[in-house]
Amino acid sequence: MAFAPGPDRIVSNSHFEAGTVVRLPDRTWFNLYEPETVRRLLGAAAPALTTWPAVQNLEVDGWPYLP
């Protein structure tokens, strides 16, 4: 999963704790190190991994998978 910064998206680099991403329109933040967040992202990535099992480096935009 990849979380790229954008106009309405912040990826922690200094002001928040490590692993934090923030969606600005609704000011929702997620810590990517929390177990529940990891489980949700792995569950979302599983179909892509089974679709392309031979691909070793698959990058998927993680933002759509956060509620």
PDB file of N, CA and C in Angstrom:
ATOM      1  N   MET A   1       0.837  -1.169   0.000  1.00  0.00           N
ATOM      2  CA  MET A   1       0.000   0.000   0.000  1.00  0.00           C
ATOM      3  C   MET A   1       0.884   1.235   0.000  1.00  0.00           C
ATOM      4  N   ALA A   2       0.446   2.206  -0.732  1.00  0.00           N
ATOM      5  CA  ALA A   2       1.172   3.469  -0.795  1.00  0.00           C
ATOM      6  C   ALA A   2       0.236   4.596  -0.379  1.00  0.00           C
ATOM      7  N   PHE A   3       0.750   5.511   0.408  1.00  0.00           N
ATOM      8  CA  PHE A   3       0.002   6.686   0.834  1.00  0.00           C
ATOM      9  C   PHE A   3       0.791   7.910   0.410  1.00  0.00           C
ATOM     10  N   ALA A   4       0.448   8.437  -0.738  1.00  0.00           N
ATOM     11  CA  ALA A   4       1.152   9.606  -1.264  1.00  0.00           C
ATOM     12  C   ALA A   4       0.470  10.877  -0.759  1.00  0.00           C
ATOM     13  N   PRO A   5       1.249  11.899  -0.406  1.00  0.00           N
ATOM     14  CA  PRO A   5       0.641  13.169  -0.010  1.00  0.00           C
ATOM     15  C   PRO A   5      -0.025  13.821  -1.216  1.00  0.00           C
ATOM     16  N   GLY A   6      -1.024  14.617  -0.947  1.00  0.00           N
ATOM     17  CA  GLY A   6      -1.732  15.318  -2.008  1.00  0.00           C
ATOM     18  C   GLY A   6      -2.420  16.537  -1.447  1.00  0.00           C
ATOM     19  N   PRO A   7      -3.250  17.214  -2.250  1.00  0.00           N
ATOM     20  CA  PRO A   7      -3.901  18.445  -1.799  1.00  0.00           C
ATOM     21  C   PRO A   7      -4.764  18.248  -0.549  1.00  0.00           C
ATOM     22  N   ASP A   8      -5.427  17.105  -0.426  1.00  0.00           N
ATOM     23  CA  ASP A   8      -6.290  16.850   0.727  1.00  0.00           C
ATOM     24  C   ASP A   8      -5.767  15.716   1.592  1.00  0.00           C
ATOM     25  N   ARG A   9      -4.468  15.435   1.478  1.00  0.00           N
ATOM     26  CA  ARG A   9      -3.891  14.302   2.192  1.00  0.00           C
ATOM     27  C   ARG A   9      -2.530  14.669   2.767  1.00  0.00           C
ATOM     28  N   ILE A  10      -2.314  14.298   4.025  1.00  0.00           N
ATOM     29  CA  ILE A  10      -1.035  14.565   4.685  1.00  0.00           C
ATOM     30  C   ILE A  10      -0.439  13.236   5.119  1.00  0.00           C
ATOM     31  N   VAL A  11       0.824  13.057   4.856  1.00  0.00           N
ATOM     32  CA  VAL A  11       1.565  11.908   5.347  1.00  0.00           C
ATOM     33  C   VAL A  11       2.549  12.444   6.384  1.00  0.00           C
ATOM     34  N   SER A  12       2.489  11.882   7.591  1.00  0.00           N
ATOM     35  CA  SER A  12       3.297  12.375   8.701  1.00  0.00           C
ATOM     36  C   SER A  12       4.776  12.390   8.363  1.00  0.00           C
ATOM     37  N   ASN A  13       5.392  13.515   8.690  1.00  0.00           N
ATOM     38  CA  ASN A  13       6.825  13.628   8.526  1.00  0.00           C
ATOM     39  C   ASN A  13       7.446  14.287   9.746  1.00  0.00           C
ATOM     40  N   SER A  14       6.638  15.080  10.471  1.00  0.00           N
ATOM     41  CA  SER A  14       7.208  15.717  11.651  1.00  0.00           C
ATOM     42  C   SER A  14       6.170  16.166  12.672  1.00  0.00           C
ATOM     43  N   HIS A  15       5.026  16.671  12.264  1.00  0.00           N
ATOM     44  CA  HIS A  15       4.075  17.259  13.209  1.00  0.00           C
ATOM     45  C   HIS A  15       3.211  16.228  13.926  1.00  0.00           C
ATOM     46  N   PHE A  16       3.043  15.056  13.335  1.00  0.00           N
ATOM     47  CA  PHE A  16       2.239  14.001  13.936  1.00  0.00           C
ATOM     48  C   PHE A  16       3.158  12.851  14.309  1.00  0.00           C
ATOM     49  N   GLU A  17       2.632  11.900  15.056  1.00  0.00           N
ATOM     50  CA  GLU A  17       3.455  10.742  15.398  1.00  0.00           C
ATOM     51  C   GLU A  17       3.729   9.904  14.154  1.00  0.00           C
ATOM     52  N   ALA A  18       4.799   9.133  14.189  1.00  0.00           N
ATOM     53  CA  ALA A  18       5.207   8.327  13.036  1.00  0.00           C
ATOM     54  C   ALA A  18       4.093   7.392  12.607  1.00  0.00           C
ATOM     55  N   GLY A  19       3.928   7.244  11.304  1.00  0.00           N
ATOM     56  CA  GLY A  19       2.932   6.340  10.761  1.00  0.00           C
ATOM     57  C   GLY A  19       1.553   6.939  10.612  1.00  0.00           C
ATOM     58  N   THR A  20       1.410   8.227  10.845  1.00  0.00           N
ATOM     59  CA  THR A  20       0.104   8.864  10.766  1.00  0.00           C
ATOM     60  C   THR A  20      -0.143   9.442   9.384  1.00  0.00           C
ATOM     61  N   VAL A  21      -1.346   9.189   8.865  1.00  0.00           N
ATOM     62  CA  VAL A  21      -1.800   9.824   7.629  1.00  0.00           C
ATOM     63  C   VAL A  21      -3.108  10.543   7.951  1.00  0.00           C
ATOM     64  N   VAL A  22      -3.322  11.695   7.318  1.00  0.00           N
ATOM     65  CA  VAL A  22      -4.497  12.520   7.608  1.00  0.00           C
ATOM     66  C   VAL A  22      -5.206  12.849   6.314  1.00  0.00           C
ATOM     67  N   ARG A  23      -6.533  12.647   6.313  1.00  0.00           N
ATOM     68  CA  ARG A  23      -7.383  13.039   5.196  1.00  0.00           C
ATOM     69  C   ARG A  23      -8.047  14.355   5.592  1.00  0.00           C
ATOM     70  N   LEU A  24      -7.739  15.435   4.872  1.00  0.00           N
ATOM     71  CA  LEU A  24      -8.154  16.770   5.294  1.00  0.00           C
ATOM     72  C   LEU A  24      -9.637  17.106   5.143  1.00  0.00           C
ATOM     73  N   PRO A  25     -10.336  16.665   4.112  1.00  0.00           N
ATOM     74  CA  PRO A  25     -11.731  17.105   4.027  1.00  0.00           C
ATOM     75  C   PRO A  25     -12.531  16.843   5.303  1.00  0.00           C
ATOM     76  N   ASP A  26     -12.336  15.677   5.917  1.00  0.00           N
ATOM     77  CA  ASP A  26     -13.061  15.372   7.150  1.00  0.00           C
ATOM     78  C   ASP A  26     -12.144  15.290   8.367  1.00  0.00           C
ATOM     79  N   ARG A  27     -10.855  15.618   8.158  1.00  0.00           N
ATOM     80  CA  ARG A  27      -9.841  15.629   9.218  1.00  0.00           C
ATOM     81  C   ARG A  27      -9.733  14.287   9.954  1.00  0.00           C
ATOM     82  N   THR A  28      -9.897  13.224   9.210  1.00  0.00           N
ATOM     83  CA  THR A  28      -9.758  11.888   9.762  1.00  0.00           C
ATOM     84  C   THR A  28      -8.300  11.487   9.708  1.00  0.00           C
ATOM     85  N   TRP A  29      -7.794  10.920  10.801  1.00  0.00           N
ATOM     86  CA  TRP A  29      -6.399  10.495  10.801  1.00  0.00           C
ATOM     87  C   TRP A  29      -6.325   9.019  11.161  1.00  0.00           C
ATOM     88  N   PHE A  30      -5.306   8.373  10.650  1.00  0.00           N
ATOM     89  CA  PHE A  30      -5.066   6.960  10.885  1.00  0.00           C
ATOM     90  C   PHE A  30      -3.601   6.762  11.206  1.00  0.00           C
ATOM     91  N   ASN A  31      -3.318   5.880  12.142  1.00  0.00           N
ATOM     92  CA  ASN A  31      -1.944   5.509  12.427  1.00  0.00           C
ATOM     93  C   ASN A  31      -1.711   4.160  11.773  1.00  0.00           C
ATOM     94  N   LEU A  32      -0.811   4.114  10.821  1.00  0.00           N
ATOM     95  CA  LEU A  32      -0.564   2.895  10.056  1.00  0.00           C
ATOM     96  C   LEU A  32       0.099   1.806  10.877  1.00  0.00           C
ATOM     97  N   TYR A  33       0.517   2.111  12.099  1.00  0.00           N
ATOM     98  CA  TYR A  33       1.132   1.101  12.963  1.00  0.00           C
ATOM     99  C   TYR A  33       0.116   0.428  13.879  1.00  0.00           C
ATOM    100  N   GLU A  34      -1.136   0.900  13.908  1.00  0.00           N
ATOM    101  CA  GLU A  34      -2.136   0.293  14.771  1.00  0.00           C
ATOM    102  C   GLU A  34      -2.624  -1.019  14.157  1.00  0.00           C
ATOM    103  N   PRO A  35      -2.764  -2.061  14.965  1.00  0.00           N
ATOM    104  CA  PRO A  35      -3.144  -3.376  14.436  1.00  0.00           C
ATOM    105  C   PRO A  35      -4.439  -3.370  13.615  1.00  0.00           C
ATOM    106  N   GLU A  36      -5.451  -2.657  14.050  1.00  0.00           N
ATOM    107  CA  GLU A  36      -6.719  -2.645  13.311  1.00  0.00           C
ATOM    108  C   GLU A  36      -6.543  -2.034  11.914  1.00  0.00           C
ATOM    109  N   THR A  37      -5.746  -0.990  11.813  1.00  0.00           N
ATOM    110  CA  THR A  37      -5.481  -0.368  10.514  1.00  0.00           C
ATOM    111  C   THR A  37      -4.727  -1.336   9.607  1.00  0.00           C
ATOM    112  N   VAL A  38      -3.751  -2.021  10.164  1.00  0.00           N
ATOM    113  CA  VAL A  38      -2.968  -2.990   9.384  1.00  0.00           C
ATOM    114  C   VAL A  38      -3.872  -4.111   8.891  1.00  0.00           C
ATOM    115  N   ARG A  39      -4.757  -4.629   9.756  1.00  0.00           N
ATOM    116  CA  ARG A  39      -5.673  -5.699   9.353  1.00  0.00           C
ATOM    117  C   ARG A  39      -6.583  -5.251   8.220  1.00  0.00           C
ATOM    118  N   ARG A  40      -7.100  -4.044   8.321  1.00  0.00           N
ATOM    119  CA  ARG A  40      -7.995  -3.517   7.287  1.00  0.00           C
ATOM    120  C   ARG A  40      -7.262  -3.402   5.955  1.00  0.00           C
ATOM    121  N   LEU A  41      -6.049  -2.896   5.975  1.00  0.00           N
ATOM    122  CA  LEU A  41      -5.285  -2.722   4.731  1.00  0.00           C
ATOM    123  C   LEU A  41      -4.860  -4.055   4.134  1.00  0.00           C
ATOM    124  N   LEU A  42      -4.473  -5.010   4.968  1.00  0.00           N
ATOM    125  CA  LEU A  42      -4.128  -6.332   4.451  1.00  0.00           C
ATOM    126  C   LEU A  42      -5.338  -7.026   3.857  1.00  0.00           C
ATOM    127  N   GLY A  43      -6.489  -6.857   4.491  1.00  0.00           N
ATOM    128  CA  GLY A  43      -7.725  -7.421   3.945  1.00  0.00           C
ATOM    129  C   GLY A  43      -8.084  -6.810   2.600  1.00  0.00           C
ATOM    130  N   ALA A  44      -7.823  -5.523   2.445  1.00  0.00           N
ATOM    131  CA  ALA A  44      -8.099  -4.849   1.176  1.00  0.00           C
ATOM    132  C   ALA A  44      -7.102  -5.254   0.105  1.00  0.00           C
ATOM    133  N   ALA A  45      -5.868  -5.517   0.495  1.00  0.00           N
ATOM    134  CA  ALA A  45      -4.825  -5.874  -0.476  1.00  0.00           C
ATOM    135  C   ALA A  45      -4.907  -7.328  -0.908  1.00  0.00           C
ATOM    136  N   ALA A  46      -5.515  -8.183  -0.114  1.00  0.00           N
ATOM    137  CA  ALA A  46      -5.543  -9.611  -0.407  1.00  0.00           C
ATOM    138  C   ALA A  46      -6.095  -9.939  -1.793  1.00  0.00           C
ATOM    139  N   PRO A  47      -7.213  -9.351  -2.237  1.00  0.00           N
ATOM    140  CA  PRO A  47      -7.695  -9.677  -3.587  1.00  0.00           C
ATOM    141  C   PRO A  47      -6.700  -9.312  -4.686  1.00  0.00           C
ATOM    142  N   ALA A  48      -6.008  -8.195  -4.541  1.00  0.00           N
ATOM    143  CA  ALA A  48      -5.020  -7.805  -5.548  1.00  0.00           C
ATOM    144  C   ALA A  48      -3.848  -8.773  -5.564  1.00  0.00           C
ATOM    145  N   LEU A  49      -3.485  -9.274  -4.402  1.00  0.00           N
ATOM    146  CA  LEU A  49      -2.365 -10.209  -4.330  1.00  0.00           C
ATOM    147  C   LEU A  49      -2.712 -11.557  -4.935  1.00  0.00           C
ATOM    148  N   THR A  50      -3.976 -11.972  -4.812  1.00  0.00           N
ATOM    149  CA  THR A  50      -4.370 -13.249  -5.414  1.00  0.00           C
ATOM    150  C   THR A  50      -4.633 -13.100  -6.909  1.00  0.00           C
ATOM    151  N   THR A  51      -4.945 -11.890  -7.361  1.00  0.00           N
ATOM    152  CA  THR A  51      -5.166 -11.655  -8.789  1.00  0.00           C
ATOM    153  C   THR A  51      -3.856 -11.709  -9.560  1.00  0.00           C
ATOM    154  N   TRP A  52      -2.788 -11.161  -8.972  1.00  0.00           N
ATOM    155  CA  TRP A  52      -1.473 -11.126  -9.623  1.00  0.00           C
ATOM    156  C   TRP A  52      -0.435 -11.796  -8.719  1.00  0.00           C
ATOM    157  N   PRO A  53      -0.523 -13.114  -8.506  1.00  0.00           N
ATOM    158  CA  PRO A  53       0.397 -13.755  -7.555  1.00  0.00           C
ATOM    159  C   PRO A  53       1.863 -13.740  -7.986  1.00  0.00           C
ATOM    160  N   ALA A  54       2.139 -13.596  -9.283  1.00  0.00           N
ATOM    161  CA  ALA A  54       3.530 -13.614  -9.741  1.00  0.00           C
ATOM    162  C   ALA A  54       4.216 -12.256  -9.588  1.00  0.00           C
ATOM    163  N   VAL A  55       3.450 -11.218  -9.359  1.00  0.00           N
ATOM    164  CA  VAL A  55       4.023  -9.878  -9.229  1.00  0.00           C
ATOM    165  C   VAL A  55       4.675  -9.754  -7.850  1.00  0.00           C
ATOM    166  N   GLN A  56       5.940  -9.390  -7.834  1.00  0.00           N
ATOM    167  CA  GLN A  56       6.667  -9.274  -6.575  1.00  0.00           C
ATOM    168  C   GLN A  56       6.514  -7.902  -5.924  1.00  0.00           C
ATOM    169  N   ASN A  57       6.450  -6.845  -6.718  1.00  0.00           N
ATOM    170  CA  ASN A  57       6.335  -5.479  -6.202  1.00  0.00           C
ATOM    171  C   ASN A  57       5.075  -4.847  -6.770  1.00  0.00           C
ATOM    172  N   LEU A  58       4.015  -4.921  -6.012  1.00  0.00           N
ATOM    173  CA  LEU A  58       2.736  -4.366  -6.435  1.00  0.00           C
ATOM    174  C   LEU A  58       2.423  -3.169  -5.546  1.00  0.00           C
ATOM    175  N   GLU A  59       2.247  -2.008  -6.147  1.00  0.00           N
ATOM    176  CA  GLU A  59       1.929  -0.805  -5.377  1.00  0.00           C
ATOM    177  C   GLU A  59       0.460  -0.471  -5.567  1.00  0.00           C
ATOM    178  N   VAL A  60      -0.264  -0.362  -4.465  1.00  0.00           N
ATOM    179  CA  VAL A  60      -1.696  -0.074  -4.483  1.00  0.00           C
ATOM    180  C   VAL A  60      -1.928   1.195  -3.677  1.00  0.00           C
ATOM    181  N   ASP A  61      -2.728   2.109  -4.217  1.00  0.00           N
ATOM    182  CA  ASP A  61      -3.065   3.342  -3.502  1.00  0.00           C
ATOM    183  C   ASP A  61      -3.886   2.975  -2.267  1.00  0.00           C
ATOM    184  N   GLY A  62      -3.404   3.317  -1.098  1.00  0.00           N
ATOM    185  CA  GLY A  62      -4.058   2.938   0.141  1.00  0.00           C
ATOM    186  C   GLY A  62      -5.197   3.840   0.571  1.00  0.00           C
ATOM    187  N   TRP A  63      -5.251   5.060   0.078  1.00  0.00           N
ATOM    188  CA  TRP A  63      -6.266   6.017   0.531  1.00  0.00           C
ATOM    189  C   TRP A  63      -7.703   5.517   0.359  1.00  0.00           C
ATOM    190  N   PRO A  64      -8.062   4.904  -0.762  1.00  0.00           N
ATOM    191  CA  PRO A  64      -9.462   4.467  -0.911  1.00  0.00           C
ATOM    192  C   PRO A  64      -9.895   3.390   0.101  1.00  0.00           C
ATOM    193  N   TYR A  65      -8.940   2.718   0.721  1.00  0.00           N
ATOM    194  CA  TYR A  65      -9.284   1.641   1.643  1.00  0.00           C
ATOM    195  C   TYR A  65      -9.506   2.099   3.071  1.00  0.00           C
ATOM    196  N   LEU A  66      -9.275   3.358   3.350  1.00  0.00           N
ATOM    197  CA  LEU A  66      -9.555   3.890   4.688  1.00  0.00           C
ATOM    198  C   LEU A  66     -10.951   4.461   4.692  1.00  0.00           C
ATOM    199  N   PRO A  67     -11.748   4.094   5.702  1.00  0.00           N
ATOM    200  CA  PRO A  67     -13.155   4.546   5.714  1.00  0.00           C
ATOM    201  C   PRO A  67     -13.282   6.047   5.910  1.00  0.00           C
TER     202      PRO A  67
END
